[in-house]
Protein backbone atom coordinates (compact mmCIF):
# COMPACT_ATOMS: atom_id res chain seq x y z
CA UNK A 1 -5.34 -13.52 -13.44
CA UNK A 2 -6.59 -17.03 -12.61
CA UNK A 3 -3.96 -19.77 -12.65
CA UNK A 4 -4.44 -22.70 -15.01
CA UNK A 5 -2.47 -25.01 -12.72
CA UNK A 6 -1.43 -25.01 -9.07
CA UNK A 7 1.45 -27.24 -7.95
CA UNK A 8 1.26 -28.09 -4.26
CA UNK A 9 4.73 -29.31 -3.27
CA UNK A 10 5.30 -29.81 0.47
CA UNK A 11 9.06 -30.09 -0.08
CA UNK A 12 9.10 -26.36 -0.80
CA UNK A 13 8.02 -25.76 2.81
CA UNK A 14 10.79 -27.77 4.52
CA UNK A 15 12.90 -24.68 5.12
CA UNK A 16 10.15 -22.47 6.55
CA UNK A 17 11.09 -21.04 9.97
CA UNK A 18 8.96 -22.36 12.86
CA UNK A 19 7.09 -19.06 13.31
CA UNK A 20 6.13 -18.94 9.62
CA UNK A 21 5.01 -22.57 9.88
CA UNK A 22 2.88 -21.65 12.90
CA UNK A 23 1.32 -18.57 11.30
CA UNK A 24 0.53 -20.13 7.94
CA UNK A 25 -0.65 -23.35 9.58
CA UNK A 26 -3.09 -21.51 11.81
CA UNK A 27 -4.44 -19.58 8.84
CA UNK A 28 -4.97 -22.89 7.04
CA UNK A 29 -6.83 -24.25 10.07
CA UNK A 30 -9.01 -21.16 10.29
CA UNK A 31 -9.83 -21.48 6.60
CA UNK A 32 -11.05 -25.02 7.25
CA UNK A 33 -13.06 -24.40 10.42
CA UNK A 34 -14.83 -21.24 9.22
CA UNK A 35 -16.25 -22.72 5.98
CA UNK A 36 -17.28 -25.85 7.88
CA UNK A 37 -19.51 -23.87 10.26
CA UNK A 38 -20.42 -21.07 7.83
CA UNK A 39 -23.85 -20.17 6.52
CA UNK A 40 -22.81 -21.50 3.10
CA UNK A 41 -21.41 -24.87 4.19
CA UNK A 42 -22.26 -27.58 1.66
CA UNK A 43 -21.54 -31.28 1.12
CA UNK A 44 -18.57 -30.67 -1.18
CA UNK A 45 -16.75 -28.28 1.16
CA UNK A 46 -17.71 -30.36 4.21
CA UNK A 47 -15.62 -33.25 2.93
CA UNK A 48 -12.63 -31.01 2.26
CA UNK A 49 -12.91 -29.38 5.68
CA UNK A 50 -13.25 -32.63 7.60
CA UNK A 51 -10.19 -34.14 5.94
CA UNK A 52 -8.18 -30.95 6.31
CA UNK A 53 -8.99 -30.43 9.99
CA UNK A 54 -7.91 -33.98 10.84
CA UNK A 55 -4.60 -33.41 9.06
CA UNK A 56 -3.95 -30.14 10.92
CA UNK A 57 -4.86 -31.75 14.22
CA UNK A 58 -2.23 -34.45 13.85
CA UNK A 59 0.49 -32.52 12.03
CA UNK A 60 0.67 -28.79 12.81
CA UNK A 61 2.70 -29.20 15.99
CA UNK A 62 4.93 -31.79 14.31
CA UNK A 63 5.69 -29.49 11.38
CA UNK A 64 6.43 -26.67 13.81
CA UNK A 65 8.87 -28.77 15.84
CA UNK A 66 10.56 -30.47 12.87
CA UNK A 67 10.25 -28.67 9.55
CA UNK A 68 11.65 -31.66 7.69
CA UNK A 69 8.97 -34.08 8.91
CA UNK A 70 7.82 -35.11 5.44
CA UNK A 71 4.48 -36.60 6.51
CA UNK A 72 3.58 -33.56 8.61
CA UNK A 73 4.52 -31.16 5.82
CA UNK A 74 2.41 -33.15 3.34
CA UNK A 75 -0.56 -33.05 5.74
CA UNK A 76 -0.26 -29.30 6.13
CA UNK A 77 0.11 -28.72 2.38
CA UNK A 78 -3.02 -30.75 1.68
CA UNK A 79 -4.89 -29.01 4.51
CA UNK A 80 -3.91 -25.59 3.16
CA UNK A 81 -5.09 -26.52 -0.33
CA UNK A 82 -8.38 -27.88 1.00
CA UNK A 83 -8.94 -24.72 3.04
CA UNK A 84 -8.49 -22.60 -0.07
CA UNK A 85 -10.95 -24.71 -2.01
CA UNK A 86 -13.41 -24.65 0.89
CA UNK A 87 -13.41 -20.90 1.43
CA UNK A 88 -13.82 -20.30 -2.31
CA UNK A 89 -16.92 -22.51 -2.37
CA UNK A 90 -18.42 -21.73 1.04
CA UNK A 91 -17.65 -18.68 3.18
CA UNK A 92 -15.42 -17.54 6.03
CA UNK A 93 -16.52 -15.98 9.32
CA UNK A 94 -15.77 -13.58 12.14
CA UNK A 95 -12.11 -14.57 12.54
CA UNK A 96 -11.37 -13.25 9.07
CA UNK A 97 -13.90 -10.46 9.55
CA UNK A 98 -11.80 -9.21 12.46
CA UNK A 99 -8.44 -10.11 10.91
CA UNK A 100 -9.15 -7.82 7.94
CA UNK A 101 -9.30 -4.48 9.77
CA UNK A 102 -6.84 -5.57 12.45
CA UNK A 103 -4.34 -6.74 9.84
CA UNK A 104 -4.74 -3.53 7.89
CA UNK A 105 -3.85 -1.57 11.01
CA UNK A 106 -1.04 -3.69 12.46
CA UNK A 107 2.23 -4.82 10.94
CA UNK A 108 1.58 -8.44 11.87
CA UNK A 109 1.41 -11.79 10.02
CA UNK A 110 -2.14 -12.54 8.90
CA UNK A 111 -1.99 -16.11 10.20
CA UNK A 112 -0.72 -15.01 13.61
CA UNK A 113 -3.72 -12.67 13.91
CA UNK A 114 -6.11 -15.44 12.84
CA UNK A 115 -4.53 -17.91 15.25
CA UNK A 116 -4.81 -15.52 18.18
CA UNK A 117 -8.45 -14.77 17.37
CA UNK A 118 -9.59 -18.30 16.51
CA UNK A 119 -10.24 -19.76 20.00
CA UNK A 120 -12.00 -16.63 21.22
CA UNK A 121 -14.21 -16.36 18.12
CA UNK A 122 -15.14 -20.05 18.39
CA UNK A 123 -15.98 -19.50 22.06
CA UNK A 124 -18.13 -16.45 21.24
CA UNK A 125 -19.91 -18.29 18.42
CA UNK A 126 -20.73 -21.34 20.53
CA UNK A 127 -22.00 -19.20 23.39
CA UNK A 128 -24.17 -17.09 21.07
CA UNK A 129 -25.52 -20.14 19.24
CA UNK A 130 -26.47 -21.95 22.45
CA UNK A 131 -28.23 -18.83 23.76
CA UNK A 132 -29.96 -17.63 20.60
CA UNK A 133 -30.06 -20.49 18.08
CA UNK A 134 -29.76 -23.71 20.09
CA UNK A 135 -31.24 -25.81 17.29
CA UNK A 136 -28.72 -24.57 14.73
CA UNK A 137 -26.73 -27.28 12.97
CA UNK A 138 -23.62 -25.19 13.69
CA UNK A 139 -23.76 -26.19 17.37
CA UNK A 140 -23.20 -29.83 16.44
CA UNK A 141 -20.58 -28.81 13.88
CA UNK A 142 -18.44 -27.14 16.54
CA UNK A 143 -18.60 -30.39 18.52
CA UNK A 144 -17.49 -32.21 15.39
CA UNK A 145 -14.56 -29.81 14.96
CA UNK A 146 -13.46 -30.83 18.46
CA UNK A 147 -13.63 -34.52 17.56
CA UNK A 148 -11.73 -33.98 14.33
CA UNK A 149 -8.96 -31.97 16.01
CA UNK A 150 -8.52 -34.12 19.10
CA UNK A 151 -9.41 -37.57 17.78
CA UNK A 152 -11.61 -38.10 20.87
CA UNK A 153 -15.07 -39.50 20.00
CA UNK A 154 -16.87 -37.67 22.80
CA UNK A 155 -15.17 -34.28 22.42
CA UNK A 156 -17.31 -31.15 22.67
CA UNK A 157 -16.91 -27.64 21.29
CA UNK A 158 -15.11 -26.38 24.39
CA UNK A 159 -12.31 -28.83 23.64
CA UNK A 160 -11.87 -27.34 20.17
CA UNK A 161 -11.54 -23.92 21.79
CA UNK A 162 -8.99 -25.28 24.26
CA UNK A 163 -7.07 -27.10 21.50
CA UNK A 164 -6.74 -23.92 19.45
CA UNK A 165 -5.73 -21.86 22.48
CA UNK A 166 -3.16 -24.40 23.65
CA UNK A 167 -1.55 -24.84 20.24
CA UNK A 168 -1.18 -21.06 19.93
CA UNK A 169 0.55 -21.00 23.32
CA UNK A 170 2.77 -23.94 22.39
CA UNK A 171 3.83 -22.20 19.17
CA UNK A 172 4.34 -18.85 20.91
CA UNK A 173 1.71 -16.88 18.99
CA UNK A 174 1.83 -13.48 20.68
CA UNK A 175 -1.19 -11.46 21.87
CA UNK A 176 -2.39 -8.66 19.62
CA UNK A 177 -0.92 -6.06 21.97
CA UNK A 178 2.51 -7.37 20.96
CA UNK A 179 1.86 -6.03 17.46
CA UNK A 180 0.61 -2.67 18.72
CA UNK A 181 -3.15 -3.04 19.17
CA UNK A 182 -4.38 -0.77 21.96
CA UNK A 183 -7.59 -0.78 24.03
CA UNK A 184 -8.77 2.37 22.27
CA UNK A 185 -8.56 0.54 18.93
CA UNK A 186 -10.95 -2.22 19.93
CA UNK A 187 -14.32 -0.56 19.37
CA UNK A 188 -13.50 0.84 15.91
CA UNK A 189 -12.11 -2.55 14.84
CA UNK A 190 -15.22 -4.35 16.09
CA UNK A 191 -17.50 -1.94 14.24
CA UNK A 192 -15.56 -2.47 10.99
CA UNK A 193 -15.57 -6.24 11.45
CA UNK A 194 -19.33 -6.29 11.99
CA UNK A 195 -19.93 -5.18 8.39
CA UNK A 196 -17.11 -7.18 6.81
CA UNK A 197 -17.99 -9.52 3.95
CA UNK A 198 -16.24 -12.38 5.79
CA UNK A 199 -18.32 -11.84 8.92
CA UNK A 200 -21.49 -12.27 6.87
CA UNK A 201 -20.61 -15.97 6.56
CA UNK A 202 -20.44 -16.44 10.34
CA UNK A 203 -22.89 -19.08 11.63
CA UNK A 204 -24.60 -16.47 13.82
CA UNK A 205 -24.61 -12.69 13.76
CA UNK A 206 -22.29 -11.35 16.44
CA UNK A 207 -22.88 -7.83 17.69
CA UNK A 208 -20.18 -5.20 18.01
CA UNK A 209 -20.03 -5.82 21.76
CA UNK A 210 -19.39 -9.53 21.22
CA UNK A 211 -16.71 -8.82 18.62
CA UNK A 212 -15.11 -6.27 20.93
CA UNK A 213 -15.03 -8.87 23.71
CA UNK A 214 -13.14 -11.22 21.39
CA UNK A 215 -10.54 -8.52 20.76
CA UNK A 216 -10.22 -7.79 24.49
CA UNK A 217 -9.46 -11.47 25.13
CA UNK A 218 -6.98 -11.58 22.23
CA UNK A 219 -5.26 -8.39 23.35
């Protein structure tokens, strides 16, 4: 069931509605950031992730506003491809670890769930790393994500969190409660996410309480 050839044609995406552009674009971004900070990051995937994150940073909003912006659509198509290659050769993380059980429970677009979770998972990861593994390379990698997204040489991890949160607001990504997630669902979802195969690639082990806090913020 493996394809012999994949044709990546951005022109096929020109007619995507803005909300589909937002959802799929945020999934592509998540699939670049998570491998870049994962426990299995490596030089090959690092190059793909760096290039892809830059392209998303400059083009996701543009593609959302004008679906026929050829340069923006090409950037997003390349970024999506690179994210797929990266996750297949590195690993994902807690965003996808949470998005699995949440997506199985809610009738919601996968990318919209990832986009809503992304800033809060990044925030939780950075906080946990600084407290428990301050010498981890992942701390510096989150700062680099901020520089790649914003184009600002001195950007820090908090600016990556803010960038992701702001772009979700700008593209009207709804909170998880919009899709039907309830406070009583949070603990079971966090417990399932803790043992997810995706979560095992997270740069630091997050406890069920930390994962539950992410869901509370995304609610």
